[in-house]
Protein backbone atom coordinates (compact mmCIF):
# COMPACT_ATOMS: atom_id res chain seq x y z
CA MET A 1 30.93 -27.25 26.94
CA ARG A 2 29.36 -26.07 23.64
CA THR A 3 29.00 -28.76 21.02
CA SER A 4 30.19 -28.23 17.44
CA THR A 5 26.65 -27.98 16.16
CA ASP A 6 25.68 -25.11 18.44
CA GLN A 7 25.61 -21.61 17.03
CA PRO A 8 26.27 -18.52 19.10
CA PRO A 9 23.38 -16.12 19.42
CA SER A 10 25.03 -13.60 17.10
CA THR A 11 24.93 -16.08 14.22
CA ALA A 12 21.61 -17.75 14.99
CA PRO A 13 19.58 -18.35 11.84
CA CYS A 14 16.93 -15.79 10.99
CA VAL A 15 13.53 -17.43 11.13
CA GLY A 16 11.69 -14.16 10.58
CA LEU A 17 12.12 -11.83 7.65
CA ALA A 18 15.71 -11.43 6.52
CA ILE A 19 15.22 -8.09 4.79
CA ARG A 20 16.52 -5.15 6.81
CA PRO A 21 14.18 -2.21 7.55
CA TRP A 22 16.37 0.33 5.76
CA GLU A 23 16.42 -1.93 2.69
CA GLY A 24 12.67 -2.23 2.76
CA LEU A 25 12.25 1.54 3.11
CA ILE A 26 14.52 2.34 0.18
CA LEU A 27 13.06 -0.32 -2.10
CA ALA A 28 9.48 0.67 -1.27
CA LEU A 29 10.20 4.36 -1.89
CA ILE A 30 11.75 3.50 -5.24
CA ALA A 31 8.67 1.45 -6.13
CA GLY A 32 6.41 4.34 -5.10
CA ALA A 33 8.47 6.76 -7.19
CA VAL A 34 8.16 4.47 -10.22
CA VAL A 35 4.38 4.34 -9.83
CA TRP A 36 4.28 8.13 -9.42
CA GLY A 37 6.31 8.64 -12.60
CA ILE A 38 4.07 6.31 -14.58
CA VAL A 39 0.89 7.93 -13.29
CA GLN A 40 2.23 11.39 -14.05
CA ARG A 41 2.89 10.36 -17.63
CA VAL A 42 -0.23 8.35 -18.46
CA HIS A 43 -3.04 9.82 -16.33
CA PRO A 44 -5.87 9.67 -17.19
CA ILE A 45 -5.97 6.25 -18.78
CA PHE A 46 -9.75 5.92 -18.80
CA HIS A 47 -11.90 8.60 -20.42
CA MET A 48 -15.54 9.56 -20.26
CA PRO A 49 -17.64 7.72 -22.88
CA LYS A 50 -19.21 10.13 -25.34
CA GLU A 51 -22.73 9.04 -24.47
CA PHE A 52 -22.21 10.26 -20.89
CA GLU A 53 -20.57 13.57 -21.73
CA ALA A 54 -22.63 16.55 -20.65
CA PRO A 55 -22.12 20.26 -19.88
CA SER A 56 -21.61 21.04 -16.21
CA ILE A 57 -24.30 23.73 -16.16
CA GLY A 58 -27.98 23.29 -16.87
CA MET A 59 -28.03 19.50 -17.05
CA PRO A 60 -31.34 17.69 -16.49
CA PRO A 61 -31.28 15.56 -13.33
CA GLU A 62 -31.14 12.27 -15.21
CA VAL A 63 -28.26 13.49 -17.41
CA TYR A 64 -26.39 14.79 -14.39
CA LEU A 65 -26.86 11.48 -12.55
CA ALA A 66 -25.67 9.43 -15.52
CA ASN A 67 -22.64 11.69 -15.90
CA ARG A 68 -21.81 11.43 -12.22
CA ARG A 69 -22.11 7.64 -12.19
CA ALA A 70 -19.86 7.41 -15.23
CA GLN A 71 -17.28 9.66 -13.56
CA GLU A 72 -17.40 7.51 -10.43
CA ARG A 73 -16.68 4.41 -12.54
CA LEU A 74 -13.71 6.15 -14.13
CA ASP A 75 -12.33 7.24 -10.76
CA ARG A 76 -12.84 3.74 -9.37
CA ARG A 77 -10.94 2.16 -12.24
CA HIS A 78 -8.08 4.61 -11.83
CA ALA A 79 -7.95 3.96 -8.09
CA MET A 80 -7.89 0.20 -8.55
CA LEU A 81 -5.24 0.40 -11.25
CA TYR A 82 -2.92 2.82 -9.46
CA VAL A 83 -3.21 1.31 -5.98
CA GLY A 84 -2.94 -2.16 -7.48
CA SER A 85 0.25 -1.09 -9.26
CA LEU A 86 1.63 0.28 -5.99
CA GLY A 87 0.88 -2.99 -4.22
CA LEU A 88 2.42 -4.98 -7.05
CA LEU A 89 5.70 -3.07 -7.19
CA VAL A 90 6.20 -2.59 -3.44
CA SER A 91 5.45 -6.23 -2.67
CA ALA A 92 7.57 -7.45 -5.60
CA ALA A 93 10.52 -5.34 -4.48
CA LEU A 94 10.31 -6.46 -0.84
CA GLY A 95 9.66 -10.06 -1.79
CA PHE A 96 12.52 -10.19 -4.26
CA ARG A 97 14.97 -8.74 -1.76
CA GLU A 98 13.75 -11.16 0.89
CA GLY A 99 14.32 -14.01 -1.55
CA THR A 100 17.82 -12.89 -2.52
CA ARG A 101 18.84 -12.61 1.13
CA ARG A 102 17.66 -16.19 1.67
CA GLY A 103 19.25 -17.51 -1.52
CA THR A 104 15.94 -18.47 -3.14
CA ILE A 105 13.08 -16.39 -4.47
CA LEU A 106 10.56 -19.24 -4.55
CA PRO A 107 8.98 -18.50 -1.13
CA SER A 108 8.59 -14.85 -2.14
CA LEU A 109 6.77 -15.37 -5.44
CA ALA A 110 3.38 -14.87 -3.79
CA ALA A 111 4.26 -11.37 -2.63
CA ALA A 112 3.68 -9.54 -5.92
CA PRO A 113 0.26 -11.00 -6.83
CA LEU A 114 -0.98 -10.69 -3.26
CA GLY A 115 0.15 -7.07 -3.11
CA ALA A 116 -1.55 -6.33 -6.43
CA LEU A 117 -4.76 -8.00 -5.25
CA GLY A 118 -4.70 -6.01 -2.01
CA GLY A 119 -4.25 -2.82 -3.99
CA LEU A 120 -7.15 -3.65 -6.30
CA VAL A 121 -9.42 -4.36 -3.33
CA GLY A 122 -8.24 -1.21 -1.57
CA GLY A 123 -8.83 0.95 -4.62
CA TYR A 124 -12.34 -0.43 -4.96
CA LEU A 125 -13.28 -0.09 -1.28
CA GLY A 126 -11.78 3.37 -1.00
CA SER A 127 -13.76 4.49 -4.04
CA ARG A 128 -16.99 3.15 -2.59
CA VAL A 129 -16.41 4.92 0.72
CA HIS A 130 -15.64 8.16 -1.10
CA GLU A 131 -18.70 7.84 -3.33
CA TYR A 132 -20.92 7.27 -0.30
CA THR A 133 -19.47 10.34 1.38
CA ILE A 134 -20.09 12.57 -1.63
CA GLU A 135 -23.63 11.30 -2.16
CA HIS A 136 -24.88 11.27 1.43
CA ILE A 137 -22.70 13.80 3.25
CA GLY A 138 -21.33 16.18 0.66
CA GLN A 139 -17.99 17.90 1.19
CA PRO A 140 -15.58 15.38 2.80
CA GLU A 141 -14.17 16.38 6.16
CA LEU A 142 -11.02 15.09 7.84
CA LEU A 143 -12.73 12.01 9.26
CA HIS A 144 -14.17 11.07 5.86
CA THR A 145 -10.77 11.46 4.21
CA VAL A 146 -9.17 9.21 6.83
CA LEU A 147 -11.90 6.59 6.40
CA ALA A 148 -11.55 6.55 2.62
CA GLN A 149 -7.76 6.37 2.81
CA GLY A 150 -8.02 3.64 5.41
CA ALA A 151 -10.25 1.64 3.07
CA ILE A 152 -7.46 1.92 0.50
CA PHE A 153 -4.41 1.21 2.61
CA LEU A 154 -5.69 -1.45 5.02
CA PRO A 155 -6.28 -4.14 2.36
CA LEU A 156 -3.10 -3.08 0.61
CA GLY A 157 -1.05 -3.28 3.80
CA LEU A 158 -2.52 -6.60 4.88
CA ALA A 159 -1.87 -8.21 1.50
CA ALA A 160 1.65 -6.80 1.19
CA GLY A 161 2.60 -7.87 4.71
CA LEU A 162 1.14 -11.32 4.24
CA GLY A 163 2.81 -11.80 0.86
CA VAL A 164 6.26 -10.82 2.08
CA GLY A 165 5.81 -12.61 5.41
CA LEU A 166 5.05 -15.94 3.74
CA ALA A 167 8.77 -16.21 2.96
CA ALA A 168 9.59 -16.45 6.67
CA PRO A 169 10.01 -20.00 8.04
CA LEU A 170 8.33 -19.03 11.31
CA ARG A 171 4.57 -18.57 10.97
CA ALA A 172 4.58 -16.09 13.83
CA ALA A 173 6.78 -13.85 11.71
CA THR A 174 4.25 -14.08 8.88
CA SER A 175 1.48 -12.97 11.23
CA LYS A 176 3.62 -10.13 12.52
CA ALA A 177 4.39 -8.98 8.98
CA ALA A 178 0.68 -9.02 8.07
CA GLY A 179 -0.16 -7.11 11.26
CA ALA A 180 2.57 -4.60 10.45
CA GLY A 181 1.03 -4.11 7.03
CA LEU A 182 -2.30 -3.28 8.68
CA LEU A 183 -0.53 -0.89 11.04
CA ALA A 184 1.22 0.77 8.10
CA GLY A 185 -2.16 1.17 6.40
CA ILE A 186 -3.64 2.85 9.45
CA ALA A 187 -0.61 5.11 9.78
CA ALA A 188 -0.77 6.11 6.11
CA ALA A 189 -4.49 6.91 6.34
CA LEU A 190 -3.92 9.10 9.39
CA ALA A 191 -0.70 10.72 8.21
CA TYR A 192 -1.70 11.67 4.66
CA PRO A 193 -4.25 14.43 5.35
CA VAL A 194 -2.09 15.82 8.16
CA ALA A 195 1.03 15.80 5.99
CA VAL A 196 -0.81 17.52 3.15
CA SER A 197 -2.11 20.26 5.44
CA LEU A 198 1.39 20.89 6.80
CA LEU A 199 3.56 20.46 3.70
CA LEU A 200 1.14 21.31 0.88
CA PRO A 201 -1.49 23.59 2.44
CA LYS A 202 -2.88 24.64 -0.96
CA ALA A 203 -3.50 21.05 -2.05
CA SER A 204 -6.98 19.56 -1.70
CA THR A 205 -7.84 16.22 -0.13
CA ASP A 206 -11.42 16.25 -1.40
CA SER A 207 -10.62 13.71 -4.11
CA LEU A 208 -9.89 10.11 -3.22
CA LEU A 209 -6.65 10.15 -5.22
CA PRO A 210 -4.50 13.30 -5.26
CA ILE A 211 -4.87 15.22 -8.49
CA ASP A 212 -1.60 17.20 -8.56
CA GLY A 213 1.93 15.90 -8.77
CA PRO A 214 3.37 16.96 -5.39
CA SER A 215 0.44 15.68 -3.30
CA ARG A 216 0.34 12.49 -5.38
CA LEU A 217 4.05 11.95 -4.69
CA LEU A 218 3.49 12.55 -0.98
CA TRP A 219 0.56 10.12 -0.94
CA LEU A 220 2.46 7.35 -2.71
CA GLY A 221 5.63 7.99 -0.72
CA LEU A 222 3.87 7.79 2.64
CA GLY A 223 2.02 4.60 1.79
CA ALA A 224 4.98 2.85 0.22
CA GLY A 225 7.52 4.05 2.78
CA LEU A 226 5.48 2.95 5.79
CA LEU A 227 4.95 -0.48 4.26
CA GLY A 228 8.61 -0.85 3.41
CA LEU A 229 9.72 0.17 6.90
CA LEU A 230 7.20 -1.44 9.25
CA ILE A 231 6.85 -4.86 7.61
CA PRO A 232 10.57 -5.75 7.93
CA ILE A 233 10.72 -4.34 11.45
CA ALA A 234 7.84 -6.50 12.68
CA GLY A 235 8.83 -9.57 10.71
CA ARG A 236 12.43 -9.81 11.89
CA SER A 237 13.01 -12.54 14.48
CA ARG A 238 15.90 -14.78 15.45
CA VAL A 239 15.97 -18.06 17.30
CA GLU A 240 18.84 -18.35 19.72
CA LYS A 241 19.95 -21.84 20.67
CA LEU A 242 20.81 -22.33 24.29
CA PRO A 243 24.30 -23.70 24.85
CA THR A 244 24.46 -27.35 25.88
CA HIS A 245 26.95 -28.81 28.28
CA SER A 246 28.50 -32.21 28.23
């Protein structure tokens, strides 16, 4: 005989993430679209200092090197800012929804800053990988693009998954959410160059960050969408109480 305190499996409390995968996907895509709209309007934010400006033809080696280093710093700052913004908004959206489904947003307050930090780290690491490729290898090939994108999305995914997963009462769900963030980062790094070649064959993947609107939208949409979908899927878990008999 079931006691009055027992709950049937269908109503067992959620000890993993409460956010549904379709909610996470929609919210993350909206966050990615917001970042895309802002970038389209304001890019570039950082500009070449006048002391490093130089013509592209006939530059002495030292002038060319100084110009290139300055351009790398600009690209790195843009990458950190834009990827950090993506991490901030995606994690904030997922964390806020997780909090509202639980009736309190306090456990989810860490999601936004952690996501932003992961994006900043990813933007920096991705820039460094790309700079190394250009300096030591030259024209990036598919493998180099995947490595640079992986350096971006792996820290972002880990931080976003961890931040959202901290709201789950069960620590195993937090670990699963963080692992799902890493998986989403790997998937985004692998899918982006393939998706560009299939959907936007005229677009270039030589730059770390896409330079035209459609490829930039695809890049942000893939990264955000995979995070929003995979983190809730992995983090969902329910504890079912076994019926007791008197």
